[in-house]
C-alpha cells in the first residue's frame, strides 16, 4: 500500500515539474519575442504587432496553466468559474472605458502635449532620414 502511495506522489510531482517546464519555456519565448519579432515581420504585420500578439498569447496560456493546475479551480464549486468570467469581463470593460483616453493625444477636456510633441519629433526625424536616402540618389551624375 505504501508503494502505491509513493508512486502516486511521484506521478503528481512529475506532472507539476512538466507544467513548470512548460511555463519556463513560455517565459523564455516571451523574453525572446521582442528580439526575434523585427526579423520575422512580414506584410501588414509589423514587429510591434507580432510582439504584442505573442506576449498576450503567451500570457493567456501561462495564466490558464497556473489557474488550472496550481489554483485547483477544477475542484472548486461552479460559481468560481462564474466569478472568474465576471472578473475578466470587468477587466475588458475597464480597458474599453480607458483605452480611448489613453491611446489618444487629445480628449474632450485635456491634451497630452508632451506625447504629441514626441510623435511629431519622431515623424520629422523619420522623414528627414527618408529624404536623405532619396536625395543622395538624385545627386549621382550617373542618373
C-alpha atoms as a PDB file:
ATOM      1  CA  UNK A   1       0.000   0.000   0.000  1.00  0.00           C
ATOM      2  CA  UNK A   2       2.820   2.422   0.844  1.00  0.00           C
ATOM      3  CA  UNK A   3       4.489   1.698  -2.509  1.00  0.00           C
ATOM      4  CA  UNK A   4       1.275   2.640  -4.293  1.00  0.00           C
ATOM      5  CA  UNK A   5       1.125   5.953  -2.387  1.00  0.00           C
ATOM      6  CA  UNK A   6       4.791   6.716  -3.197  1.00  0.00           C
ATOM      7  CA  UNK A   7       4.100   6.006  -6.873  1.00  0.00           C
ATOM      8  CA  UNK A   8       1.102   8.372  -6.823  1.00  0.00           C
ATOM      9  CA  UNK A   9       3.199  11.115  -5.181  1.00  0.00           C
ATOM     10  CA  UNK A  10       5.957  10.689  -7.780  1.00  0.00           C
ATOM     11  CA  UNK A  11       3.402  10.872 -10.580  1.00  0.00           C
ATOM     12  CA  UNK A  12       1.935  14.072  -9.122  1.00  0.00           C
ATOM     13  CA  UNK A  13       5.337  15.688  -8.713  1.00  0.00           C
ATOM     14  CA  UNK A  14       6.371  14.799 -12.264  1.00  0.00           C
ATOM     15  CA  UNK A  15       3.145  16.356 -13.535  1.00  0.00           C
ATOM     16  CA  UNK A  16       3.905  19.629 -11.754  1.00  0.00           C
ATOM     17  CA  UNK A  17       7.502  19.546 -12.980  1.00  0.00           C
ATOM     18  CA  UNK A  18       6.187  19.221 -16.543  1.00  0.00           C
ATOM     19  CA  UNK A  19       3.882  22.212 -16.013  1.00  0.00           C
ATOM     20  CA  UNK A  20       6.823  24.157 -14.567  1.00  0.00           C
ATOM     21  CA  UNK A  21       8.941  23.226 -17.613  1.00  0.00           C
ATOM     22  CA  UNK A  22       6.209  24.443 -19.981  1.00  0.00           C
ATOM     23  CA  UNK A  23       5.937  27.705 -18.017  1.00  0.00           C
ATOM     24  CA  UNK A  24       9.718  28.114 -18.185  1.00  0.00           C
ATOM     25  CA  UNK A  25       9.744  27.610 -21.975  1.00  0.00           C
ATOM     26  CA  UNK A  26       6.928  30.140 -22.329  1.00  0.00           C
ATOM     27  CA  UNK A  27       8.909  32.609 -20.203  1.00  0.00           C
ATOM     28  CA  UNK A  28      11.913  32.204 -22.489  1.00  0.00           C
ATOM     29  CA  UNK A  29       9.689  32.706 -25.548  1.00  0.00           C
ATOM     30  CA  UNK A  30       8.207  35.867 -24.067  1.00  0.00           C
ATOM     31  CA  UNK A  31      11.713  37.224 -23.447  1.00  0.00           C
ATOM     32  CA  UNK A  32      12.947  36.316 -26.937  1.00  0.00           C
ATOM     33  CA  UNK A  33       9.788  37.573 -28.676  1.00  0.00           C
ATOM     34  CA  UNK A  34      10.730  41.264 -28.870  1.00  0.00           C
ATOM     35  CA  UNK A  35      14.237  40.313 -30.003  1.00  0.00           C
ATOM     36  CA  UNK A  36      13.092  37.998 -32.813  1.00  0.00           C
ATOM     37  CA  UNK A  37       9.958  39.891 -33.939  1.00  0.00           C
ATOM     38  CA  UNK A  38      11.756  42.535 -36.062  1.00  0.00           C
ATOM     39  CA  UNK A  39      13.393  39.755 -38.074  1.00  0.00           C
ATOM     40  CA  UNK A  40      10.150  37.903 -38.857  1.00  0.00           C
ATOM     41  CA  UNK A  41       7.867  40.866 -39.610  1.00  0.00           C
ATOM     42  CA  UNK A  42       6.089  40.441 -42.930  1.00  0.00           C
ATOM     43  CA  UNK A  43       3.280  42.061 -44.872  1.00  0.00           C
ATOM     44  CA  UNK A  44       0.934  44.191 -42.819  1.00  0.00           C
ATOM     45  CA  UNK A  45       2.186  42.630 -39.560  1.00  0.00           C
ATOM     46  CA  UNK A  46       4.800  44.899 -38.073  1.00  0.00           C
ATOM     47  CA  UNK A  47       7.256  43.875 -35.366  1.00  0.00           C
ATOM     48  CA  UNK A  48       5.295  45.566 -32.573  1.00  0.00           C
ATOM     49  CA  UNK A  49       2.100  43.770 -33.629  1.00  0.00           C
ATOM     50  CA  UNK A  50       3.836  40.394 -33.568  1.00  0.00           C
ATOM     51  CA  UNK A  51       5.385  41.214 -30.193  1.00  0.00           C
ATOM     52  CA  UNK A  52       2.041  42.206 -28.664  1.00  0.00           C
ATOM     53  CA  UNK A  53       0.172  39.217 -30.062  1.00  0.00           C
ATOM     54  CA  UNK A  54       2.866  36.830 -28.862  1.00  0.00           C
ATOM     55  CA  UNK A  55       3.138  38.476 -25.436  1.00  0.00           C
ATOM     56  CA  UNK A  56      -0.595  38.448 -24.776  1.00  0.00           C
ATOM     57  CA  UNK A  57      -0.996  34.957 -26.233  1.00  0.00           C
ATOM     58  CA  UNK A  58       1.776  33.593 -24.040  1.00  0.00           C
ATOM     59  CA  UNK A  59       0.398  35.466 -21.022  1.00  0.00           C
ATOM     60  CA  UNK A  60      -3.042  33.908 -21.563  1.00  0.00           C
ATOM     61  CA  UNK A  61      -1.598  30.406 -21.858  1.00  0.00           C
ATOM     62  CA  UNK A  62       0.560  30.885 -18.739  1.00  0.00           C
ATOM     63  CA  UNK A  63      -2.386  32.282 -16.773  1.00  0.00           C
ATOM     64  CA  UNK A  64      -4.541  29.340 -17.837  1.00  0.00           C
ATOM     65  CA  UNK A  65      -1.861  26.814 -16.864  1.00  0.00           C
ATOM     66  CA  UNK A  66      -1.357  28.397 -13.451  1.00  0.00           C
ATOM     67  CA  UNK A  67      -5.077  28.737 -12.781  1.00  0.00           C
ATOM     68  CA  UNK A  68      -5.927  25.237 -13.975  1.00  0.00           C
ATOM     69  CA  UNK A  69      -3.062  23.388 -12.330  1.00  0.00           C
ATOM     70  CA  UNK A  70      -1.989  25.329  -9.258  1.00  0.00           C
ATOM     71  CA  UNK A  71      -5.185  27.058  -8.154  1.00  0.00           C
ATOM     72  CA  UNK A  72      -7.214  23.822  -8.339  1.00  0.00           C
ATOM     73  CA  UNK A  73     -10.163  25.551  -9.960  1.00  0.00           C
ATOM     74  CA  UNK A  74     -11.361  22.245 -11.400  1.00  0.00           C
ATOM     75  CA  UNK A  75     -12.353  21.051  -7.908  1.00  0.00           C
ATOM     76  CA  UNK A  76     -13.999  24.286  -6.800  1.00  0.00           C
ATOM     77  CA  UNK A  77     -17.705  24.966  -6.926  1.00  0.00           C
ATOM     78  CA  UNK A  78     -19.188  26.133 -10.212  1.00  0.00           C
ATOM     79  CA  UNK A  79     -19.685  29.706  -9.002  1.00  0.00           C
ATOM     80  CA  UNK A  80     -15.887  30.145  -9.016  1.00  0.00           C
ATOM     81  CA  UNK A  81     -15.950  29.842 -12.811  1.00  0.00           C
ATOM     82  CA  UNK A  82     -18.684  32.456 -12.976  1.00  0.00           C
ATOM     83  CA  UNK A  83     -16.648  34.781 -10.754  1.00  0.00           C
ATOM     84  CA  UNK A  84     -13.600  34.280 -12.961  1.00  0.00           C
ATOM     85  CA  UNK A  85     -15.568  35.093 -16.108  1.00  0.00           C
ATOM     86  CA  UNK A  86     -17.154  38.120 -14.395  1.00  0.00           C
ATOM     87  CA  UNK A  87     -13.714  39.449 -13.410  1.00  0.00           C
ATOM     88  CA  UNK A  88     -12.439  39.015 -16.964  1.00  0.00           C
ATOM     89  CA  UNK A  89     -15.477  40.870 -18.279  1.00  0.00           C
ATOM     90  CA  UNK A  90     -14.907  43.700 -15.787  1.00  0.00           C
ATOM     91  CA  UNK A  91     -11.262  43.893 -16.881  1.00  0.00           C
ATOM     92  CA  UNK A  92     -12.327  44.146 -20.536  1.00  0.00           C
ATOM     93  CA  UNK A  93     -14.922  46.782 -19.601  1.00  0.00           C
ATOM     94  CA  UNK A  94     -12.231  48.776 -17.767  1.00  0.00           C
ATOM     95  CA  UNK A  95      -9.934  48.535 -20.787  1.00  0.00           C
ATOM     96  CA  UNK A  96     -12.707  49.590 -23.173  1.00  0.00           C
ATOM     97  CA  UNK A  97     -13.545  52.527 -20.916  1.00  0.00           C
ATOM     98  CA  UNK A  98      -9.987  53.790 -20.514  1.00  0.00           C
ATOM     99  CA  UNK A  99      -8.396  52.878 -23.855  1.00  0.00           C
ATOM    100  CA  UNK A 100      -9.875  55.778 -25.862  1.00  0.00           C
ATOM    101  CA  UNK A 101      -8.375  58.280 -23.426  1.00  0.00           C
ATOM    102  CA  UNK A 102      -5.033  56.551 -23.037  1.00  0.00           C
ATOM    103  CA  UNK A 103      -4.465  55.837 -26.715  1.00  0.00           C
ATOM    104  CA  UNK A 104      -5.209  59.349 -27.964  1.00  0.00           C
ATOM    105  CA  UNK A 105      -3.315  62.617 -27.582  1.00  0.00           C
ATOM    106  CA  UNK A 106      -6.421  64.744 -27.191  1.00  0.00           C
ATOM    107  CA  UNK A 107      -9.655  64.369 -25.318  1.00  0.00           C
ATOM    108  CA  UNK A 108     -12.741  66.428 -24.657  1.00  0.00           C
ATOM    109  CA  UNK A 109     -11.211  68.280 -21.709  1.00  0.00           C
ATOM    110  CA  UNK A 110      -7.494  67.521 -21.926  1.00  0.00           C
ATOM    111  CA  UNK A 111      -4.484  67.367 -24.239  1.00  0.00           C
ATOM    112  CA  UNK A 112      -1.241  65.399 -23.904  1.00  0.00           C
ATOM    113  CA  UNK A 113       1.164  67.936 -25.366  1.00  0.00           C
ATOM    114  CA  UNK A 114       4.329  66.016 -24.452  1.00  0.00           C
ATOM    115  CA  UNK A 115       3.267  62.818 -26.239  1.00  0.00           C
ATOM    116  CA  UNK A 116       2.064  64.749 -29.278  1.00  0.00           C
ATOM    117  CA  UNK A 117       5.356  66.678 -29.487  1.00  0.00           C
ATOM    118  CA  UNK A 118       7.365  63.460 -29.220  1.00  0.00           C
ATOM    119  CA  UNK A 119       5.370  61.807 -32.009  1.00  0.00           C
ATOM    120  CA  UNK A 120       5.840  64.861 -34.246  1.00  0.00           C
ATOM    121  CA  UNK A 121       9.583  64.916 -33.473  1.00  0.00           C
ATOM    122  CA  UNK A 122       9.924  61.213 -34.301  1.00  0.00           C
ATOM    123  CA  UNK A 123       7.955  61.589 -37.545  1.00  0.00           C
ATOM    124  CA  UNK A 124      10.079  64.573 -38.554  1.00  0.00           C
ATOM    125  CA  UNK A 125      13.285  62.653 -37.834  1.00  0.00           C
ATOM    126  CA  UNK A 126      11.957  59.679 -39.814  1.00  0.00           C
ATOM    127  CA  UNK A 127      11.007  61.976 -42.700  1.00  0.00           C
ATOM    128  CA  UNK A 128      14.452  63.589 -42.746  1.00  0.00           C
ATOM    129  CA  UNK A 129      16.094  60.169 -42.824  1.00  0.00           C
ATOM    130  CA  UNK A 130      13.882  59.124 -45.746  1.00  0.00           C
ATOM    131  CA  UNK A 131      14.627  62.330 -47.689  1.00  0.00           C
ATOM    132  CA  UNK A 132      18.331  61.912 -47.037  1.00  0.00           C
ATOM    133  CA  UNK A 133      18.280  58.470 -48.677  1.00  0.00           C
ATOM    134  CA  UNK A 134      16.427  59.721 -51.762  1.00  0.00           C
ATOM    135  CA  UNK A 135      18.408  62.937 -52.032  1.00  0.00           C
ATOM    136  CA  UNK A 136      21.698  61.086 -52.461  1.00  0.00           C
ATOM    137  CA  UNK A 137      20.379  59.155 -55.474  1.00  0.00           C
ATOM    138  CA  UNK A 138      19.411  62.370 -57.352  1.00  0.00           C
ATOM    139  CA  UNK A 139      22.853  63.909 -56.855  1.00  0.00           C
ATOM    140  CA  UNK A 140      24.534  60.978 -58.582  1.00  0.00           C
ATOM    141  CA  UNK A 141      25.750  62.121 -62.063  1.00  0.00           C
ATOM    142  CA  UNK A 142      25.196  58.625 -63.482  1.00  0.00           C
ATOM    143  CA  UNK A 143      21.408  59.094 -63.218  1.00  0.00           C
END
